């Protein structure tokens, strides 16, 4: 909550690199609850990119495999994954619109360790602006881009092509939530 509100005040964006299965749905449920409780602004957009949308649709299609409370909500038509704040990104043009927008927003994008996927694209566009924040909610393995960012590298070479655009200057706020979200099966939905 504090991480998101700090970015909102600065009119920045919060990038949350997530794993497509499990962690992304936990994040959506957490954000939905904070909006519903009016602890986050009602107009806050949450952009969902990568595998997140497809996996979340499977959760909605098979609620019998979710915990009792979540299953009950979905079956009663109160699907927490489909609130108007959540916007699925479906094209390159939509992604570029998020890059260029001046609004405060949250972006949930795969892959969680930033070793590929749309999270890398958002990082490239958000990293140079100190109003923005990246928040890690999952493990970052050695050798991944996510680990380099988490470890505090201020300049990161994205690809070794000799192109100056491949070197990213990290000015954004880097934070994480170790232990707050578990990948173990005894915790979660």
Protein backbone atom coordinates (compact mmCIF):
# COMPACT_ATOMS: atom_id res chain seq x y z
CA UNK A 1 0.00 0.00 0.00
CA UNK A 2 2.75 2.43 0.97
CA UNK A 3 4.76 1.69 -2.18
CA UNK A 4 1.76 2.35 -4.43
CA UNK A 5 0.65 5.48 -2.58
CA UNK A 6 4.18 6.93 -2.67
CA UNK A 7 4.25 6.47 -6.44
CA UNK A 8 0.72 7.90 -6.76
CA UNK A 9 1.74 11.09 -4.96
CA UNK A 10 4.78 11.46 -7.27
CA UNK A 11 2.57 10.68 -10.31
CA UNK A 12 4.78 7.72 -11.13
CA UNK A 13 4.19 4.17 -12.22
CA UNK A 14 4.78 0.98 -10.24
CA UNK A 15 6.11 -1.98 -12.20
CA UNK A 16 5.54 -5.32 -10.49
CA UNK A 17 7.24 -8.14 -12.41
CA UNK A 18 5.18 -11.24 -11.68
CA UNK A 19 5.09 -14.91 -12.45
CA UNK A 20 2.07 -15.71 -14.64
CA UNK A 21 0.68 -18.36 -12.32
CA UNK A 22 -0.14 -17.68 -8.70
CA UNK A 23 1.78 -14.57 -7.76
CA UNK A 24 0.03 -12.37 -10.30
CA UNK A 25 -3.39 -13.49 -9.08
CA UNK A 26 -2.35 -12.87 -5.46
CA UNK A 27 -1.29 -9.35 -6.44
CA UNK A 28 -4.59 -8.72 -8.25
CA UNK A 29 -6.56 -9.89 -5.21
CA UNK A 30 -4.49 -7.71 -2.89
CA UNK A 31 -4.88 -4.61 -5.07
CA UNK A 32 -8.60 -5.27 -5.58
CA UNK A 33 -9.10 -5.48 -1.81
CA UNK A 34 -7.21 -2.21 -1.25
CA UNK A 35 -9.33 -0.43 -3.88
CA UNK A 36 -12.56 -1.91 -2.49
CA UNK A 37 -11.56 -0.80 1.04
CA UNK A 38 -10.91 2.70 -0.40
CA UNK A 39 -7.29 2.57 0.74
CA UNK A 40 -6.18 3.07 -2.87
CA UNK A 41 -7.68 5.68 -5.23
CA UNK A 42 -10.77 4.49 -7.10
CA UNK A 43 -9.34 5.75 -10.41
CA UNK A 44 -6.03 3.87 -10.14
CA UNK A 45 -5.41 1.80 -13.27
CA UNK A 46 -3.75 -1.60 -13.07
CA UNK A 47 -2.38 -2.72 -16.41
CA UNK A 48 -2.00 -6.46 -16.88
CA UNK A 49 0.43 -7.69 -19.53
CA UNK A 50 1.85 -11.04 -20.54
CA UNK A 51 0.50 -14.41 -19.45
CA UNK A 52 -1.30 -12.88 -16.46
CA UNK A 53 -4.59 -12.36 -18.29
CA UNK A 54 -4.78 -15.86 -19.73
CA UNK A 55 -3.98 -17.55 -16.42
CA UNK A 56 -6.44 -15.35 -14.54
CA UNK A 57 -9.15 -16.29 -17.04
CA UNK A 58 -8.50 -19.96 -16.20
CA UNK A 59 -8.94 -19.16 -12.49
CA UNK A 60 -12.28 -17.56 -13.30
CA UNK A 61 -13.40 -20.44 -15.53
CA UNK A 62 -12.63 -23.06 -12.86
CA UNK A 63 -13.54 -21.48 -9.50
CA UNK A 64 -14.10 -24.92 -7.94
CA UNK A 65 -10.31 -25.21 -7.60
CA UNK A 66 -10.01 -21.96 -5.62
CA UNK A 67 -10.47 -21.44 -1.90
CA UNK A 68 -14.02 -21.28 -0.54
CA UNK A 69 -14.19 -17.49 -0.18
CA UNK A 70 -12.86 -16.72 -3.65
CA UNK A 71 -14.97 -19.46 -5.24
CA UNK A 72 -18.08 -18.03 -3.55
CA UNK A 73 -17.35 -14.51 -4.77
CA UNK A 74 -16.86 -15.62 -8.36
CA UNK A 75 -19.97 -17.82 -8.36
CA UNK A 76 -22.05 -14.94 -6.93
CA UNK A 77 -20.91 -12.61 -9.74
CA UNK A 78 -18.43 -10.63 -7.61
CA UNK A 79 -15.33 -11.58 -9.58
CA UNK A 80 -12.37 -9.70 -8.06
CA UNK A 81 -10.32 -10.28 -11.23
CA UNK A 82 -12.67 -8.27 -13.45
CA UNK A 83 -12.99 -4.89 -11.72
CA UNK A 84 -12.87 -1.86 -14.02
CA UNK A 85 -9.46 -0.78 -12.69
CA UNK A 86 -7.85 -3.86 -14.26
CA UNK A 87 -6.98 -3.29 -17.91
CA UNK A 88 -5.62 -6.13 -20.04
CA UNK A 89 -2.94 -5.03 -22.50
CA UNK A 90 -3.51 -6.85 -25.77
CA UNK A 91 -1.29 -5.16 -28.32
CA UNK A 92 1.99 -3.34 -28.84
CA UNK A 93 0.05 -0.09 -29.38
CA UNK A 94 -1.71 -0.47 -26.01
CA UNK A 95 1.63 -1.15 -24.31
CA UNK A 96 3.16 1.95 -25.91
CA UNK A 97 0.19 4.02 -24.71
CA UNK A 98 1.04 2.95 -21.13
CA UNK A 99 4.71 3.85 -21.72
CA UNK A 100 3.72 7.33 -22.91
CA UNK A 101 0.89 8.11 -20.48
CA UNK A 102 1.41 10.59 -17.68
CA UNK A 103 -1.01 8.84 -15.33
CA UNK A 104 -0.02 7.05 -12.18
CA UNK A 105 -0.59 3.34 -12.70
CA UNK A 106 0.43 -0.12 -11.61
CA UNK A 107 1.76 -2.55 -14.21
CA UNK A 108 1.75 -6.29 -13.56
CA UNK A 109 3.86 -7.92 -16.25
CA UNK A 110 5.58 -11.24 -16.84
CA UNK A 111 8.22 -12.55 -16.47
CA UNK A 112 8.74 -12.30 -12.74
CA UNK A 113 12.56 -12.42 -12.92
CA UNK A 114 12.64 -10.14 -15.96
CA UNK A 115 14.52 -12.68 -18.04
CA UNK A 116 12.17 -11.96 -20.94
CA UNK A 117 8.60 -10.92 -21.57
CA UNK A 118 6.82 -7.62 -21.29
CA UNK A 119 8.26 -6.80 -17.84
CA UNK A 120 11.58 -6.07 -19.59
CA UNK A 121 9.90 -3.67 -22.02
CA UNK A 122 8.20 -1.75 -19.19
CA UNK A 123 11.47 -1.68 -17.25
CA UNK A 124 13.30 -0.15 -20.23
CA UNK A 125 10.73 2.65 -20.41
CA UNK A 126 10.26 3.27 -16.68
CA UNK A 127 13.81 2.82 -15.32
CA UNK A 128 15.10 6.29 -16.19
CA UNK A 129 12.44 8.19 -14.26
CA UNK A 130 12.84 8.59 -10.50
CA UNK A 131 9.07 9.01 -10.10
CA UNK A 132 8.67 5.35 -11.02
CA UNK A 133 9.12 2.31 -8.80
CA UNK A 134 9.83 -1.35 -9.42
CA UNK A 135 8.58 -3.68 -6.71
CA UNK A 136 9.78 -7.27 -6.62
CA UNK A 137 7.34 -9.73 -5.07
CA UNK A 138 9.12 -12.92 -6.06
CA UNK A 139 12.49 -14.60 -5.96
CA UNK A 140 15.17 -13.21 -8.27
CA UNK A 141 17.68 -15.86 -9.36
CA UNK A 142 21.35 -15.05 -9.89
CA UNK A 143 22.12 -13.96 -13.43
CA UNK A 144 18.65 -12.56 -14.17
CA UNK A 145 17.90 -8.95 -15.00
CA UNK A 146 15.60 -8.85 -11.97
CA UNK A 147 18.44 -9.83 -9.67
CA UNK A 148 20.73 -7.14 -11.10
CA UNK A 149 18.07 -4.49 -10.55
CA UNK A 150 17.27 -5.78 -7.07
CA UNK A 151 20.99 -5.80 -6.18
CA UNK A 152 21.19 -2.09 -7.00
CA UNK A 153 22.97 -1.93 -10.34
CA UNK A 154 22.63 1.65 -11.63
CA UNK A 155 23.58 0.84 -15.22
CA UNK A 156 22.51 -2.40 -16.83
CA UNK A 157 23.33 -3.76 -20.25
CA UNK A 158 20.14 -5.39 -21.52
CA UNK A 159 21.67 -7.04 -24.59
CA UNK A 160 25.20 -7.17 -25.89
CA UNK A 161 24.53 -5.81 -29.38
CA UNK A 162 26.74 -2.74 -29.24
CA UNK A 163 23.68 -0.51 -29.43
CA UNK A 164 23.74 2.32 -26.88
CA UNK A 165 19.97 1.88 -26.38
CA UNK A 166 20.69 -1.49 -24.77
CA UNK A 167 22.32 0.18 -21.74
CA UNK A 168 19.69 1.21 -19.19
CA UNK A 169 20.31 3.82 -16.52
CA UNK A 170 18.31 2.87 -13.41
CA UNK A 171 16.95 5.94 -11.65
CA UNK A 172 13.63 4.47 -10.53
CA UNK A 173 13.00 3.45 -6.93
CA UNK A 174 13.81 -0.23 -6.40
CA UNK A 175 12.00 -2.09 -3.65
CA UNK A 176 10.67 -5.51 -2.80
CA UNK A 177 8.37 -7.40 -0.50
CA UNK A 178 10.38 -10.40 0.68
CA UNK A 179 8.26 -12.96 2.47
CA UNK A 180 4.99 -11.10 2.00
CA UNK A 181 3.91 -13.41 -0.81
CA UNK A 182 4.82 -17.07 -0.69
CA UNK A 183 5.29 -19.50 -3.55
CA UNK A 184 4.57 -22.44 -1.26
CA UNK A 185 1.34 -24.39 -1.70
CA UNK A 186 0.16 -23.90 1.88
CA UNK A 187 -0.34 -20.18 1.24
CA UNK A 188 -2.49 -18.46 -1.33
CA UNK A 189 -5.79 -18.63 -3.04
